[in-house]
Amino acid sequence: MQLKSITAIIVLSLVVASLLVSGCTTSTTNQTPSASAATHNASLESYLAGVKNVSYADKDTSYKAWEVTWINSTSARLEDTSLNKSLNTTWNEVATYTIFPTTQDATNYLNTLNKTAYSLASTDPSDATGYQSVTGHAPQTYIYYQWNEGNQFNISEYKAHAILQFDNIVKIVTAKRLITT
């Protein structure tokens, strides 16, 4: 009888040891998240820094607010408020930038979006002057949809919406004119 108990303990010990070695158990100690889970996509981070540099270099525009909030490692929300000095118009823009592994992945994502209210505004890469200012080259793939909501002469009801693809980046934006002086 005692031999059976010892055998059972040995077998049970071997089972527990094999589970520990194979990783089938969880530890109760606190673990920090891996570095890759906490990082942002370096290309998108660099692109957004370039957008800020180009935007702030525009002498005709003054920025009152600029805030980037990361949604996950490949998407960020940028909210900015700017004054166009020559038009004396203040705008608020909220944009979500998402970077994809390939241009085709970005196109596939763009094709899944509801664009019923939008019109295709351009597919001419030379129209992507902002992208070109940031990267130094025109995108190979450029798709720009727009939708203007409300009366543009009544600032309380007007919003401009856009969905843009610059190669492997998709930008979804809503802009609202706040003040005209």
C-alpha atoms as a PDB file:
ATOM      1  CA  MET A   1       0.000   0.000   0.000  1.00  0.00           C
ATOM      2  CA  GLN A   2       2.817   2.338   0.885  1.00  0.00           C
ATOM      3  CA  LEU A   3       4.479   1.552  -2.473  1.00  0.00           C
ATOM      4  CA  LYS A   4       1.302   2.622  -4.282  1.00  0.00           C
ATOM      5  CA  SER A   5       1.276   5.968  -2.409  1.00  0.00           C
ATOM      6  CA  ILE A   6       4.914   6.613  -3.217  1.00  0.00           C
ATOM      7  CA  THR A   7       4.312   5.722  -6.865  1.00  0.00           C
ATOM      8  CA  ALA A   8       1.299   8.050  -7.000  1.00  0.00           C
ATOM      9  CA  ILE A   9       3.330  10.907  -5.489  1.00  0.00           C
ATOM     10  CA  ILE A  10       6.155  10.342  -7.991  1.00  0.00           C
ATOM     11  CA  VAL A  11       3.733  10.232 -10.939  1.00  0.00           C
ATOM     12  CA  LEU A  12       1.942  13.351  -9.715  1.00  0.00           C
ATOM     13  CA  SER A  13       5.279  15.121  -9.256  1.00  0.00           C
ATOM     14  CA  LEU A  14       6.294  14.212 -12.799  1.00  0.00           C
ATOM     15  CA  VAL A  15       2.996  15.533 -14.187  1.00  0.00           C
ATOM     16  CA  VAL A  16       3.378  18.853 -12.322  1.00  0.00           C
ATOM     17  CA  ALA A  17       7.028  19.132 -13.426  1.00  0.00           C
ATOM     18  CA  SER A  18       6.132  18.464 -17.062  1.00  0.00           C
ATOM     19  CA  LEU A  19       3.344  21.101 -16.909  1.00  0.00           C
ATOM     20  CA  LEU A  20       5.747  23.664 -15.469  1.00  0.00           C
ATOM     21  CA  VAL A  21       8.347  22.925 -18.146  1.00  0.00           C
ATOM     22  CA  SER A  22       5.772  23.151 -20.958  1.00  0.00           C
ATOM     23  CA  GLY A  23       4.366  26.438 -19.674  1.00  0.00           C
ATOM     24  CA  CYS A  24       0.843  25.202 -19.070  1.00  0.00           C
ATOM     25  CA  THR A  25       0.560  26.877 -15.701  1.00  0.00           C
ATOM     26  CA  THR A  26       0.389  30.541 -14.851  1.00  0.00           C
ATOM     27  CA  SER A  27       2.469  32.347 -12.314  1.00  0.00           C
ATOM     28  CA  THR A  28       0.819  34.487  -9.670  1.00  0.00           C
ATOM     29  CA  THR A  29       3.699  36.977  -9.683  1.00  0.00           C
ATOM     30  CA  ASN A  30       3.191  40.349 -11.375  1.00  0.00           C
ATOM     31  CA  GLN A  31       4.598  40.489 -14.864  1.00  0.00           C
ATOM     32  CA  THR A  32       5.369  43.670 -16.758  1.00  0.00           C
ATOM     33  CA  PRO A  33       4.035  43.935 -20.302  1.00  0.00           C
ATOM     34  CA  SER A  34       6.508  43.161 -23.027  1.00  0.00           C
ATOM     35  CA  ALA A  35       8.260  46.128 -24.596  1.00  0.00           C
ATOM     36  CA  SER A  36       6.666  45.427 -27.982  1.00  0.00           C
ATOM     37  CA  ALA A  37       3.171  45.766 -26.510  1.00  0.00           C
ATOM     38  CA  ALA A  38       3.962  49.230 -25.182  1.00  0.00           C
ATOM     39  CA  THR A  39       5.690  50.654 -28.277  1.00  0.00           C
ATOM     40  CA  HIS A  40       4.297  52.654 -31.154  1.00  0.00           C
ATOM     41  CA  ASN A  41       4.926  51.938 -34.801  1.00  0.00           C
ATOM     42  CA  ALA A  42       8.160  53.822 -35.505  1.00  0.00           C
ATOM     43  CA  SER A  43       7.165  54.768 -39.058  1.00  0.00           C
ATOM     44  CA  LEU A  44       3.828  56.242 -37.962  1.00  0.00           C
ATOM     45  CA  GLU A  45       5.464  57.993 -35.027  1.00  0.00           C
ATOM     46  CA  SER A  46       8.029  59.529 -37.386  1.00  0.00           C
ATOM     47  CA  TYR A  47       5.316  60.502 -39.875  1.00  0.00           C
ATOM     48  CA  LEU A  48       3.251  62.259 -37.176  1.00  0.00           C
ATOM     49  CA  ALA A  49       6.349  64.121 -35.960  1.00  0.00           C
ATOM     50  CA  GLY A  50       6.912  65.219 -39.557  1.00  0.00           C
ATOM     51  CA  VAL A  51       3.290  66.373 -39.846  1.00  0.00           C
ATOM     52  CA  LYS A  52       3.794  68.515 -36.755  1.00  0.00           C
ATOM     53  CA  ASN A  53       7.073  69.969 -38.023  1.00  0.00           C
ATOM     54  CA  VAL A  54       5.591  70.873 -41.420  1.00  0.00           C
ATOM     55  CA  SER A  55       2.432  72.266 -39.820  1.00  0.00           C
ATOM     56  CA  TYR A  56       4.295  74.448 -37.326  1.00  0.00           C
ATOM     57  CA  ALA A  57       6.628  75.705 -40.080  1.00  0.00           C
ATOM     58  CA  ASP A  58       3.659  77.193 -41.976  1.00  0.00           C
ATOM     59  CA  LYS A  59       3.985  80.910 -41.219  1.00  0.00           C
ATOM     60  CA  ASP A  60       0.363  81.533 -42.276  1.00  0.00           C
ATOM     61  CA  THR A  61      -0.965  79.209 -39.564  1.00  0.00           C
ATOM     62  CA  SER A  62      -0.780  79.467 -35.802  1.00  0.00           C
ATOM     63  CA  TYR A  63      -1.488  76.371 -33.680  1.00  0.00           C
ATOM     64  CA  LYS A  64      -3.383  76.766 -30.428  1.00  0.00           C
ATOM     65  CA  ALA A  65      -3.516  73.030 -29.635  1.00  0.00           C
ATOM     66  CA  TRP A  66      -1.798  69.859 -30.844  1.00  0.00           C
ATOM     67  CA  GLU A  67      -2.410  66.551 -29.098  1.00  0.00           C
ATOM     68  CA  VAL A  68      -1.518  63.046 -30.244  1.00  0.00           C
ATOM     69  CA  THR A  69      -3.153  60.142 -28.405  1.00  0.00           C
ATOM     70  CA  TRP A  70      -2.112  56.618 -29.321  1.00  0.00           C
ATOM     71  CA  ILE A  71      -5.033  54.234 -29.797  1.00  0.00           C
ATOM     72  CA  ASN A  72      -2.815  51.172 -30.182  1.00  0.00           C
ATOM     73  CA  SER A  73       0.627  50.488 -31.641  1.00  0.00           C
ATOM     74  CA  THR A  74      -0.473  51.235 -35.234  1.00  0.00           C
ATOM     75  CA  SER A  75      -3.133  53.953 -34.781  1.00  0.00           C
ATOM     76  CA  ALA A  76      -3.073  57.424 -33.310  1.00  0.00           C
ATOM     77  CA  ARG A  77      -5.590  60.222 -32.902  1.00  0.00           C
ATOM     78  CA  LEU A  78      -4.396  63.745 -33.619  1.00  0.00           C
ATOM     79  CA  GLU A  79      -6.475  66.710 -32.514  1.00  0.00           C
ATOM     80  CA  ASP A  80      -5.310  70.182 -33.392  1.00  0.00           C
ATOM     81  CA  THR A  81      -6.753  73.675 -33.371  1.00  0.00           C
ATOM     82  CA  SER A  82      -5.260  76.246 -35.698  1.00  0.00           C
ATOM     83  CA  LEU A  83      -5.757  79.807 -36.853  1.00  0.00           C
ATOM     84  CA  ASN A  84      -5.361  80.533 -40.549  1.00  0.00           C
ATOM     85  CA  LYS A  85      -3.967  84.057 -40.330  1.00  0.00           C
ATOM     86  CA  SER A  86      -4.787  85.162 -43.867  1.00  0.00           C
ATOM     87  CA  LEU A  87      -8.414  83.996 -43.651  1.00  0.00           C
ATOM     88  CA  ASN A  88      -8.806  84.838 -39.952  1.00  0.00           C
ATOM     89  CA  THR A  89     -10.440  81.448 -39.489  1.00  0.00           C
ATOM     90  CA  THR A  90      -9.926  78.999 -36.627  1.00  0.00           C
ATOM     91  CA  TRP A  91     -10.312  75.290 -37.327  1.00  0.00           C
ATOM     92  CA  ASN A  92     -10.443  72.214 -35.130  1.00  0.00           C
ATOM     93  CA  GLU A  93      -9.383  68.969 -36.765  1.00  0.00           C
ATOM     94  CA  VAL A  94      -9.670  65.476 -35.321  1.00  0.00           C
ATOM     95  CA  ALA A  95      -7.898  62.795 -37.342  1.00  0.00           C
ATOM     96  CA  THR A  96      -7.155  59.126 -36.870  1.00  0.00           C
ATOM     97  CA  TYR A  97      -4.026  57.850 -38.587  1.00  0.00           C
ATOM     98  CA  THR A  98      -3.576  54.113 -39.061  1.00  0.00           C
ATOM     99  CA  ILE A  99      -0.523  52.501 -40.597  1.00  0.00           C
ATOM    100  CA  PHE A 100      -0.660  49.084 -42.266  1.00  0.00           C
ATOM    101  CA  PRO A 101       2.101  46.611 -43.159  1.00  0.00           C
ATOM    102  CA  THR A 102       1.489  47.125 -46.891  1.00  0.00           C
ATOM    103  CA  THR A 103      -0.279  49.517 -49.234  1.00  0.00           C
ATOM    104  CA  GLN A 104      -2.606  46.690 -50.251  1.00  0.00           C
ATOM    105  CA  ASP A 105      -3.600  46.157 -46.606  1.00  0.00           C
ATOM    106  CA  ALA A 106      -4.407  49.877 -46.347  1.00  0.00           C
ATOM    107  CA  THR A 107      -6.455  49.697 -49.562  1.00  0.00           C
ATOM    108  CA  ASN A 108      -8.319  46.641 -48.275  1.00  0.00           C
ATOM    109  CA  TYR A 109      -9.156  48.523 -45.065  1.00  0.00           C
ATOM    110  CA  LEU A 110     -10.227  51.615 -47.002  1.00  0.00           C
ATOM    111  CA  ASN A 111     -12.556  49.446 -49.083  1.00  0.00           C
ATOM    112  CA  THR A 112     -14.322  48.199 -45.936  1.00  0.00           C
ATOM    113  CA  LEU A 113     -15.194  51.723 -44.731  1.00  0.00           C
ATOM    114  CA  ASN A 114     -18.668  53.139 -45.237  1.00  0.00           C
ATOM    115  CA  LYS A 115     -18.169  55.925 -47.756  1.00  0.00           C
ATOM    116  CA  THR A 116     -21.837  56.333 -48.772  1.00  0.00           C
ATOM    117  CA  ALA A 117     -21.937  60.063 -47.969  1.00  0.00           C
ATOM    118  CA  TYR A 118     -18.490  60.698 -49.458  1.00  0.00           C
ATOM    119  CA  SER A 119     -17.438  61.608 -52.987  1.00  0.00           C
ATOM    120  CA  LEU A 120     -14.149  60.604 -54.544  1.00  0.00           C
ATOM    121  CA  ALA A 121     -12.207  63.882 -54.668  1.00  0.00           C
ATOM    122  CA  SER A 122      -8.861  62.768 -56.068  1.00  0.00           C
ATOM    123  CA  THR A 123      -6.542  59.910 -56.882  1.00  0.00           C
ATOM    124  CA  ASP A 124      -3.767  62.162 -58.231  1.00  0.00           C
ATOM    125  CA  PRO A 125      -0.671  61.714 -56.042  1.00  0.00           C
ATOM    126  CA  SER A 126       0.466  65.247 -56.851  1.00  0.00           C
ATOM    127  CA  ASP A 127      -2.529  66.473 -54.793  1.00  0.00           C
ATOM    128  CA  ALA A 128      -0.974  64.960 -51.659  1.00  0.00           C
ATOM    129  CA  THR A 129       1.178  68.012 -50.987  1.00  0.00           C
ATOM    130  CA  GLY A 130       1.060  67.593 -47.208  1.00  0.00           C
ATOM    131  CA  TYR A 131       2.267  64.005 -47.426  1.00  0.00           C
ATOM    132  CA  GLN A 132       4.971  65.051 -49.869  1.00  0.00           C
ATOM    133  CA  SER A 133       6.113  67.849 -47.541  1.00  0.00           C
ATOM    134  CA  VAL A 134       6.497  65.344 -44.695  1.00  0.00           C
ATOM    135  CA  THR A 135       8.082  62.438 -46.582  1.00  0.00           C
ATOM    136  CA  GLY A 136       9.894  64.226 -49.401  1.00  0.00           C
ATOM    137  CA  HIS A 137       8.051  62.261 -52.091  1.00  0.00           C
ATOM    138  CA  ALA A 138       4.546  61.851 -53.459  1.00  0.00           C
ATOM    139  CA  PRO A 139       2.729  58.657 -52.465  1.00  0.00           C
ATOM    140  CA  GLN A 140       2.455  55.939 -55.076  1.00  0.00           C
ATOM    141  CA  THR A 141      -1.132  55.322 -53.964  1.00  0.00           C
ATOM    142  CA  TYR A 142      -3.315  58.291 -53.086  1.00  0.00           C
ATOM    143  CA  ILE A 143      -7.079  58.153 -52.614  1.00  0.00           C
ATOM    144  CA  TYR A 144      -9.054  61.085 -51.207  1.00  0.00           C
ATOM    145  CA  TYR A 145     -12.762  60.978 -50.342  1.00  0.00           C
ATOM    146  CA  GLN A 146     -14.574  64.028 -49.005  1.00  0.00           C
ATOM    147  CA  TRP A 147     -17.938  64.879 -47.505  1.00  0.00           C
ATOM    148  CA  ASN A 148     -18.977  68.381 -46.531  1.00  0.00           C
ATOM    149  CA  GLU A 149     -21.745  68.408 -43.980  1.00  0.00           C
ATOM    150  CA  GLY A 150     -23.995  71.406 -43.421  1.00  0.00           C
ATOM    151  CA  ASN A 151     -23.792  74.947 -44.745  1.00  0.00           C
ATOM    152  CA  GLN A 152     -20.194  76.135 -45.085  1.00  0.00           C
ATOM    153  CA  PHE A 153     -21.358  79.735 -44.543  1.00  0.00           C
ATOM    154  CA  ASN A 154     -22.896  78.851 -41.163  1.00  0.00           C
ATOM    155  CA  ILE A 155     -20.042  77.850 -38.864  1.00  0.00           C
ATOM    156  CA  SER A 156     -22.320  76.332 -36.250  1.00  0.00           C
ATOM    157  CA  GLU A 157     -23.432  73.562 -38.600  1.00  0.00           C
ATOM    158  CA  TYR A 158     -20.548  73.006 -41.014  1.00  0.00           C
ATOM    159  CA  LYS A 159     -18.097  70.080 -40.857  1.00  0.00           C
ATOM    160  CA  ALA A 160     -15.674  68.796 -43.456  1.00  0.00           C
ATOM    161  CA  HIS A 161     -15.003  65.049 -43.475  1.00  0.00           C
ATOM    162  CA  ALA A 162     -12.277  63.225 -45.375  1.00  0.00           C
ATOM    163  CA  ILE A 163     -10.862  59.746 -45.765  1.00  0.00           C
ATOM    164  CA  LEU A 164      -7.417  59.619 -47.307  1.00  0.00           C
ATOM    165  CA  GLN A 165      -4.956  56.893 -48.180  1.00  0.00           C
ATOM    166  CA  PHE A 166      -1.268  57.706 -48.600  1.00  0.00           C
ATOM    167  CA  ASP A 167       0.415  54.407 -49.517  1.00  0.00           C
ATOM    168  CA  ASN A 168       0.137  52.314 -46.309  1.00  0.00           C
ATOM    169  CA  ILE A 169      -1.389  55.087 -44.145  1.00  0.00           C
ATOM    170  CA  VAL A 170      -5.121  55.767 -43.863  1.00  0.00           C
ATOM    171  CA  LYS A 171      -6.280  59.074 -42.364  1.00  0.00           C
ATOM    172  CA  ILE A 172      -9.894  59.650 -41.327  1.00  0.00           C
ATOM    173  CA  VAL A 173     -10.575  63.273 -40.421  1.00  0.00           C
ATOM    174  CA  THR A 174     -13.324  65.641 -39.381  1.00  0.00           C
ATOM    175  CA  ALA A 175     -12.653  69.372 -39.418  1.00  0.00           C
ATOM    176  CA  LYS A 176     -14.883  72.094 -38.046  1.00  0.00           C
ATOM    177  CA  ARG A 177     -14.545  75.833 -38.477  1.00  0.00           C
ATOM    178  CA  LEU A 178     -14.812  77.413 -35.042  1.00  0.00           C
ATOM    179  CA  ILE A 179     -14.398  81.151 -35.469  1.00  0.00           C
ATOM    180  CA  THR A 180     -14.163  83.585 -38.327  1.00  0.00           C
ATOM    181  CA  THR A 181     -13.117  87.091 -37.355  1.00  0.00           C
END
